[in-house]
């Protein structure tokens, strides 16, 4: 696909691509230049649900959690 550069450097991402990537108005895109090419990457927000279970299952003492939040070294 091709897009035309408009006034003030604006481009329109074709609707097929927006739908495929789930891009909506207000989506933040990270812009990078790599090897002479422009790379646009959607910035994804990470939710608590995305992180649930990422550290595995384990038990901790309440004092360790409180100490960690206070910036103390965990034993």
PDB file of N, CA and C in Angstrom:
ATOM      1  N   UNK A   1       0.837  -1.181   0.000  1.00  0.00           N
ATOM      2  CA  UNK A   1       0.000   0.000   0.000  1.00  0.00           C
ATOM      3  C   UNK A   1       0.880   1.242   0.000  1.00  0.00           C
ATOM      4  N   UNK A   2       0.330   2.295  -0.512  1.00  0.00           N
ATOM      5  CA  UNK A   2       1.026   3.569  -0.536  1.00  0.00           C
ATOM      6  C   UNK A   2       0.166   4.615   0.149  1.00  0.00           C
ATOM      7  N   UNK A   3       0.825   5.588   0.779  1.00  0.00           N
ATOM      8  CA  UNK A   3       0.129   6.727   1.357  1.00  0.00           C
ATOM      9  C   UNK A   3       0.846   7.983   0.887  1.00  0.00           C
ATOM     10  N   UNK A   4       0.125   9.077   0.865  1.00  0.00           N
ATOM     11  CA  UNK A   4       0.697  10.340   0.412  1.00  0.00           C
ATOM     12  C   UNK A   4       0.952  11.233   1.618  1.00  0.00           C
ATOM     13  N   UNK A   5       2.123  11.841   1.653  1.00  0.00           N
ATOM     14  CA  UNK A   5       2.480  12.774   2.707  1.00  0.00           C
ATOM     15  C   UNK A   5       1.712  14.068   2.497  1.00  0.00           C
ATOM     16  N   UNK A   6       0.952  14.477   3.503  1.00  0.00           N
ATOM     17  CA  UNK A   6       0.133  15.676   3.389  1.00  0.00           C
ATOM     18  C   UNK A   6       0.779  16.868   4.064  1.00  0.00           C
ATOM     19  N   UNK A   7      -0.032  17.908   4.223  1.00  0.00           N
ATOM     20  CA  UNK A   7       0.442  19.127   4.875  1.00  0.00           C
ATOM     21  C   UNK A   7       0.958  18.807   6.266  1.00  0.00           C
ATOM     22  N   UNK A   8       2.008  19.499   6.641  1.00  0.00           N
ATOM     23  CA  UNK A   8       2.621  19.357   7.961  1.00  0.00           C
ATOM     24  C   UNK A   8       3.111  17.930   8.223  1.00  0.00           C
ATOM     25  N   UNK A   9       3.371  17.161   7.165  1.00  0.00           N
ATOM     26  CA  UNK A   9       3.937  15.825   7.309  1.00  0.00           C
ATOM     27  C   UNK A   9       2.950  14.755   7.726  1.00  0.00           C
ATOM     28  N   UNK A  10       1.681  15.009   7.580  1.00  0.00           N
ATOM     29  CA  UNK A  10       0.662  14.050   8.012  1.00  0.00           C
ATOM     30  C   UNK A  10       0.462  12.938   6.993  1.00  0.00           C
ATOM     31  N   UNK A  11       0.212  11.736   7.523  1.00  0.00           N
ATOM     32  CA  UNK A  11      -0.153  10.603   6.667  1.00  0.00           C
ATOM     33  C   UNK A  11      -1.419   9.969   7.244  1.00  0.00           C
ATOM     34  N   UNK A  12      -2.138   9.261   6.399  1.00  0.00           N
ATOM     35  CA  UNK A  12      -3.316   8.521   6.838  1.00  0.00           C
ATOM     36  C   UNK A  12      -2.983   7.045   6.712  1.00  0.00           C
ATOM     37  N   UNK A  13      -3.128   6.315   7.824  1.00  0.00           N
ATOM     38  CA  UNK A  13      -2.896   4.871   7.802  1.00  0.00           C
ATOM     39  C   UNK A  13      -4.165   4.238   7.240  1.00  0.00           C
ATOM     40  N   UNK A  14      -4.052   3.435   6.179  1.00  0.00           N
ATOM     41  CA  UNK A  14      -5.236   2.833   5.564  1.00  0.00           C
ATOM     42  C   UNK A  14      -6.090   2.048   6.564  1.00  0.00           C
ATOM     43  N   UNK A  15      -7.414   2.091   6.366  1.00  0.00           N
ATOM     44  CA  UNK A  15      -8.347   1.471   7.306  1.00  0.00           C
ATOM     45  C   UNK A  15      -8.097  -0.026   7.493  1.00  0.00           C
ATOM     46  N   UNK A  16      -7.692  -0.740   6.439  1.00  0.00           N
ATOM     47  CA  UNK A  16      -7.413  -2.177   6.577  1.00  0.00           C
ATOM     48  C   UNK A  16      -6.316  -2.415   7.613  1.00  0.00           C
ATOM     49  N   UNK A  17      -5.279  -1.593   7.562  1.00  0.00           N
ATOM     50  CA  UNK A  17      -4.164  -1.735   8.499  1.00  0.00           C
ATOM     51  C   UNK A  17      -4.610  -1.346   9.907  1.00  0.00           C
ATOM     52  N   UNK A  18      -5.375  -0.249  10.032  1.00  0.00           N
ATOM     53  CA  UNK A  18      -5.867   0.172  11.350  1.00  0.00           C
ATOM     54  C   UNK A  18      -6.721  -0.914  11.990  1.00  0.00           C
ATOM     55  N   UNK A  19      -7.617  -1.500  11.216  1.00  0.00           N
ATOM     56  CA  UNK A  19      -8.468  -2.579  11.755  1.00  0.00           C
ATOM     57  C   UNK A  19      -7.638  -3.791  12.140  1.00  0.00           C
ATOM     58  N   UNK A  20      -6.701  -4.184  11.279  1.00  0.00           N
ATOM     59  CA  UNK A  20      -5.866  -5.362  11.531  1.00  0.00           C
ATOM     60  C   UNK A  20      -5.068  -5.208  12.823  1.00  0.00           C
ATOM     61  N   UNK A  21      -4.550  -3.994  13.078  1.00  0.00           N
ATOM     62  CA  UNK A  21      -3.727  -3.742  14.258  1.00  0.00           C
ATOM     63  C   UNK A  21      -4.524  -3.246  15.459  1.00  0.00           C
ATOM     64  N   UNK A  22      -5.824  -3.028  15.265  1.00  0.00           N
ATOM     65  CA  UNK A  22      -6.654  -2.549  16.366  1.00  0.00           C
ATOM     66  C   UNK A  22      -6.356  -1.111  16.751  1.00  0.00           C
ATOM     67  N   UNK A  23      -5.951  -0.310  15.767  1.00  0.00           N
ATOM     68  CA  UNK A  23      -5.630   1.099  16.030  1.00  0.00           C
ATOM     69  C   UNK A  23      -6.908   1.930  15.998  1.00  0.00           C
ATOM     70  N   UNK A  24      -7.028   2.810  16.975  1.00  0.00           N
ATOM     71  CA  UNK A  24      -8.190   3.692  17.048  1.00  0.00           C
ATOM     72  C   UNK A  24      -7.710   5.121  17.227  1.00  0.00           C
ATOM     73  N   UNK A  25      -8.622   6.058  17.050  1.00  0.00           N
ATOM     74  CA  UNK A  25      -8.282   7.462  17.279  1.00  0.00           C
ATOM     75  C   UNK A  25      -7.745   7.601  18.702  1.00  0.00           C
ATOM     76  N   UNK A  26      -6.620   8.277  18.842  1.00  0.00           N
ATOM     77  CA  UNK A  26      -6.020   8.461  20.152  1.00  0.00           C
ATOM     78  C   UNK A  26      -4.925   7.453  20.476  1.00  0.00           C
ATOM     79  N   UNK A  27      -4.790   6.393  19.645  1.00  0.00           N
ATOM     80  CA  UNK A  27      -3.726   5.426  19.866  1.00  0.00           C
ATOM     81  C   UNK A  27      -2.382   6.126  19.745  1.00  0.00           C
ATOM     82  N   UNK A  28      -1.489   5.875  20.688  1.00  0.00           N
ATOM     83  CA  UNK A  28      -0.155   6.473  20.646  1.00  0.00           C
ATOM     84  C   UNK A  28       0.751   5.553  19.841  1.00  0.00           C
ATOM     85  N   UNK A  29       1.468   6.149  18.884  1.00  0.00           N
ATOM     86  CA  UNK A  29       2.419   5.406  18.068  1.00  0.00           C
ATOM     87  C   UNK A  29       3.829   5.884  18.382  1.00  0.00           C
ATOM     88  N   UNK A  30       4.739   4.943  18.553  1.00  0.00           N
ATOM     89  CA  UNK A  30       6.146   5.264  18.762  1.00  0.00           C
ATOM     90  C   UNK A  30       6.783   5.350  17.380  1.00  0.00           C
ATOM     91  N   UNK A  31       7.502   6.450  17.093  1.00  0.00           N
ATOM     92  CA  UNK A  31       8.124   6.670  15.788  1.00  0.00           C
ATOM     93  C   UNK A  31       9.626   6.482  15.922  1.00  0.00           C
ATOM     94  N   UNK A  32      10.185   5.619  15.077  1.00  0.00           N
ATOM     95  CA  UNK A  32      11.630   5.375  15.069  1.00  0.00           C
ATOM     96  C   UNK A  32      12.133   5.425  13.627  1.00  0.00           C
ATOM     97  N   UNK A  33      13.392   5.765  13.477  1.00  0.00           N
ATOM     98  CA  UNK A  33      14.049   5.696  12.175  1.00  0.00           C
ATOM     99  C   UNK A  33      15.102   4.605  12.281  1.00  0.00           C
ATOM    100  N   UNK A  34      14.982   3.591  11.429  1.00  0.00           N
ATOM    101  CA  UNK A  34      15.933   2.478  11.417  1.00  0.00           C
ATOM    102  C   UNK A  34      16.375   2.211   9.987  1.00  0.00           C
ATOM    103  N   UNK A  35      17.656   2.260   9.790  1.00  0.00           N
ATOM    104  CA  UNK A  35      18.241   1.964   8.474  1.00  0.00           C
ATOM    105  C   UNK A  35      17.548   2.741   7.357  1.00  0.00           C
ATOM    106  N   UNK A  36      17.293   4.027   7.633  1.00  0.00           N
ATOM    107  CA  UNK A  36      16.692   4.894   6.625  1.00  0.00           C
ATOM    108  C   UNK A  36      15.205   4.683   6.410  1.00  0.00           C
ATOM    109  N   UNK A  37      14.561   3.926   7.305  1.00  0.00           N
ATOM    110  CA  UNK A  37      13.118   3.669   7.189  1.00  0.00           C
ATOM    111  C   UNK A  37      12.401   4.206   8.418  1.00  0.00           C
ATOM    112  N   UNK A  38      11.130   4.569   8.235  1.00  0.00           N
ATOM    113  CA  UNK A  38      10.304   5.038   9.342  1.00  0.00           C
ATOM    114  C   UNK A  38       9.522   3.846   9.873  1.00  0.00           C
ATOM    115  N   UNK A  39       9.607   3.632  11.189  1.00  0.00           N
ATOM    116  CA  UNK A  39       8.910   2.522  11.826  1.00  0.00           C
ATOM    117  C   UNK A  39       7.910   3.090  12.828  1.00  0.00           C
ATOM    118  N   UNK A  40       6.642   2.758  12.653  1.00  0.00           N
ATOM    119  CA  UNK A  40       5.587   3.174  13.579  1.00  0.00           C
ATOM    120  C   UNK A  40       5.138   1.938  14.352  1.00  0.00           C
ATOM    121  N   UNK A  41       5.188   2.018  15.681  1.00  0.00           N
ATOM    122  CA  UNK A  41       4.793   0.886  16.511  1.00  0.00           C
ATOM    123  C   UNK A  41       3.768   1.363  17.534  1.00  0.00           C
ATOM    124  N   UNK A  42       2.610   0.673  17.611  1.00  0.00           N
ATOM    125  CA  UNK A  42       1.624   1.067  18.613  1.00  0.00           C
ATOM    126  C   UNK A  42       2.198   0.879  20.014  1.00  0.00           C
ATOM    127  N   UNK A  43       2.010   1.881  20.858  1.00  0.00           N
ATOM    128  CA  UNK A  43       2.446   1.775  22.245  1.00  0.00           C
ATOM    129  C   UNK A  43       1.322   1.093  23.012  1.00  0.00           C
ATOM    130  N   UNK A  44       1.625  -0.054  23.538  1.00  0.00           N
ATOM    131  CA  UNK A  44       0.602  -0.835  24.247  1.00  0.00           C
ATOM    132  C   UNK A  44       0.667  -0.546  25.734  1.00  0.00           C
ATOM    133  N   UNK A  45      -0.495  -0.394  26.331  1.00  0.00           N
ATOM    134  CA  UNK A  45      -0.571  -0.228  27.778  1.00  0.00           C
ATOM    135  C   UNK A  45      -0.673  -1.617  28.386  1.00  0.00           C
ATOM    136  N   UNK A  46       0.012  -1.808  29.489  1.00  0.00           N
ATOM    137  CA  UNK A  46      -0.013  -3.088  30.176  1.00  0.00           C
ATOM    138  C   UNK A  46      -0.924  -2.962  31.388  1.00  0.00           C
ATOM    139  N   UNK A  47      -1.861  -3.897  31.487  1.00  0.00           N
ATOM    140  CA  UNK A  47      -2.776  -3.875  32.622  1.00  0.00           C
ATOM    141  C   UNK A  47      -2.315  -4.856  33.688  1.00  0.00           C
ATOM    142  N   UNK A  48      -2.909  -4.760  34.842  1.00  0.00           N
ATOM    143  CA  UNK A  48      -2.613  -5.699  35.924  1.00  0.00           C
ATOM    144  C   UNK A  48      -2.944  -7.118  35.478  1.00  0.00           C
ATOM    145  N   UNK A  49      -4.030  -7.284  34.736  1.00  0.00           N
ATOM    146  CA  UNK A  49      -4.412  -8.613  34.249  1.00  0.00           C
ATOM    147  C   UNK A  49      -3.337  -9.210  33.342  1.00  0.00           C
ATOM    148  N   UNK A  50      -2.655  -8.363  32.545  1.00  0.00           N
ATOM    149  CA  UNK A  50      -1.575  -8.840  31.683  1.00  0.00           C
ATOM    150  C   UNK A  50      -0.415  -9.391  32.502  1.00  0.00           C
ATOM    151  N   UNK A  51      -0.196  -8.817  33.682  1.00  0.00           N
ATOM    152  CA  UNK A  51       0.938  -9.204  34.514  1.00  0.00           C
ATOM    153  C   UNK A  51       0.624 -10.325  35.499  1.00  0.00           C
ATOM    154  N   UNK A  52      -0.662 -10.610  35.687  1.00  0.00           N
ATOM    155  CA  UNK A  52      -1.054 -11.605  36.680  1.00  0.00           C
ATOM    156  C   UNK A  52      -0.382 -12.942  36.404  1.00  0.00           C
ATOM    157  N   UNK A  53       0.317 -13.462  37.395  1.00  0.00           N
ATOM    158  CA  UNK A  53       0.986 -14.753  37.276  1.00  0.00           C
ATOM    159  C   UNK A  53       2.353 -14.698  36.623  1.00  0.00           C
ATOM    160  N   UNK A  54       2.800 -13.525  36.200  1.00  0.00           N
ATOM    161  CA  UNK A  54       4.082 -13.417  35.499  1.00  0.00           C
ATOM    162  C   UNK A  54       5.260 -13.800  36.384  1.00  0.00           C
ATOM    163  N   UNK A  55       5.131 -13.574  37.682  1.00  0.00           N
ATOM    164  CA  UNK A  55       6.232 -13.887  38.607  1.00  0.00           C
ATOM    165  C   UNK A  55       6.125 -15.295  39.164  1.00  0.00           C
ATOM    166  N   UNK A  56       5.104 -16.023  38.750  1.00  0.00           N
ATOM    167  CA  UNK A  56       4.934 -17.373  39.277  1.00  0.00           C
ATOM    168  C   UNK A  56       4.163 -17.331  40.582  1.00  0.00           C
ATOM    169  N   UNK A  57       4.094 -18.501  41.218  1.00  0.00           N
ATOM    170  CA  UNK A  57       3.349 -18.625  42.462  1.00  0.00           C
ATOM    171  C   UNK A  57       4.341 -18.798  43.600  1.00  0.00           C
ATOM    172  N   UNK A  58       4.115 -18.107  44.668  1.00  0.00           N
ATOM    173  CA  UNK A  58       4.984 -18.224  45.829  1.00  0.00           C
ATOM    174  C   UNK A  58       4.332 -17.557  47.023  1.00  0.00           C
ATOM    175  N   UNK A  59       4.891 -17.790  48.174  1.00  0.00           N
ATOM    176  CA  UNK A  59       4.363 -17.181  49.382  1.00  0.00           C
ATOM    177  C   UNK A  59       5.384 -16.176  49.914  1.00  0.00           C
ATOM    178  N   UNK A  60       4.862 -15.091  50.432  1.00  0.00           N
ATOM    179  CA  UNK A  60       5.714 -14.084  51.060  1.00  0.00           C
ATOM    180  C   UNK A  60       5.065 -13.670  52.367  1.00  0.00           C
ATOM    181  N   UNK A  61       5.879 -13.156  53.234  1.00  0.00           N
ATOM    182  CA  UNK A  61       5.377 -12.642  54.503  1.00  0.00           C
ATOM    183  C   UNK A  61       4.927 -11.197  54.308  1.00  0.00           C
ATOM    184  N   UNK A  62       3.914 -10.803  55.011  1.00  0.00           N
ATOM    185  CA  UNK A  62       3.395  -9.438  54.913  1.00  0.00           C
ATOM    186  C   UNK A  62       4.486  -8.414  55.220  1.00  0.00           C
ATOM    187  N   UNK A  63       5.352  -8.726  56.175  1.00  0.00           N
ATOM    188  CA  UNK A  63       6.433  -7.814  56.532  1.00  0.00           C
ATOM    189  C   UNK A  63       7.382  -7.601  55.348  1.00  0.00           C
ATOM    190  N   UNK A  64       7.613  -8.656  54.539  1.00  0.00           N
ATOM    191  CA  UNK A  64       8.473  -8.526  53.364  1.00  0.00           C
ATOM    192  C   UNK A  64       7.852  -7.581  52.334  1.00  0.00           C
ATOM    193  N   UNK A  65       6.551  -7.694  52.153  1.00  0.00           N
ATOM    194  CA  UNK A  65       5.856  -6.815  51.210  1.00  0.00           C
ATOM    195  C   UNK A  65       5.932  -5.371  51.701  1.00  0.00           C
ATOM    196  N   UNK A  66       5.636  -5.173  52.964  1.00  0.00           N
ATOM    197  CA  UNK A  66       5.685  -3.817  53.524  1.00  0.00           C
ATOM    198  C   UNK A  66       7.093  -3.244  53.443  1.00  0.00           C
ATOM    199  N   UNK A  67       8.099  -4.076  53.746  1.00  0.00           N
ATOM    200  CA  UNK A  67       9.481  -3.624  53.669  1.00  0.00           C
ATOM    201  C   UNK A  67       9.889  -3.280  52.251  1.00  0.00           C
ATOM    202  N   UNK A  68       9.450  -4.088  51.301  1.00  0.00           N
ATOM    203  CA  UNK A  68       9.759  -3.815  49.895  1.00  0.00           C
ATOM    204  C   UNK A  68       9.145  -2.500  49.440  1.00  0.00           C
ATOM    205  N   UNK A  69       7.925  -2.238  49.877  1.00  0.00           N
ATOM    206  CA  UNK A  69       7.275  -0.982  49.522  1.00  0.00           C
ATOM    207  C   UNK A  69       7.973   0.209  50.169  1.00  0.00           C
ATOM    208  N   UNK A  70       8.607  -0.032  51.312  1.00  0.00           N
ATOM    209  CA  UNK A  70       9.320   1.035  52.011  1.00  0.00           C
ATOM    210  C   UNK A  70      10.746   1.194  51.490  1.00  0.00           C
ATOM    211  N   UNK A  71      11.137   0.345  50.543  1.00  0.00           N
ATOM    212  CA  UNK A  71      12.465   0.448  49.961  1.00  0.00           C
ATOM    213  C   UNK A  71      13.528  -0.319  50.701  1.00  0.00           C
ATOM    214  N   UNK A  72      13.111  -1.177  51.628  1.00  0.00           N
ATOM    215  CA  UNK A  72      14.064  -1.982  52.378  1.00  0.00           C
ATOM    216  C   UNK A  72      14.443  -3.220  51.572  1.00  0.00           C
ATOM    217  N   UNK A  73      15.615  -3.750  51.869  1.00  0.00           N
ATOM    218  CA  UNK A  73      16.057  -4.974  51.199  1.00  0.00           C
ATOM    219  C   UNK A  73      15.244  -6.150  51.721  1.00  0.00           C
ATOM    220  N   UNK A  74      14.797  -6.997  50.794  1.00  0.00           N
ATOM    221  CA  UNK A  74      14.007  -8.163  51.170  1.00  0.00           C
ATOM    222  C   UNK A  74      14.953  -9.298  51.529  1.00  0.00           C
ATOM    223  N   UNK A  75      14.677  -9.965  52.629  1.00  0.00           N
ATOM    224  CA  UNK A  75      15.549 -11.060  53.064  1.00  0.00           C
ATOM    225  C   UNK A  75      15.290 -12.330  52.317  1.00  0.00           C
TER     226      UNK A  75
END
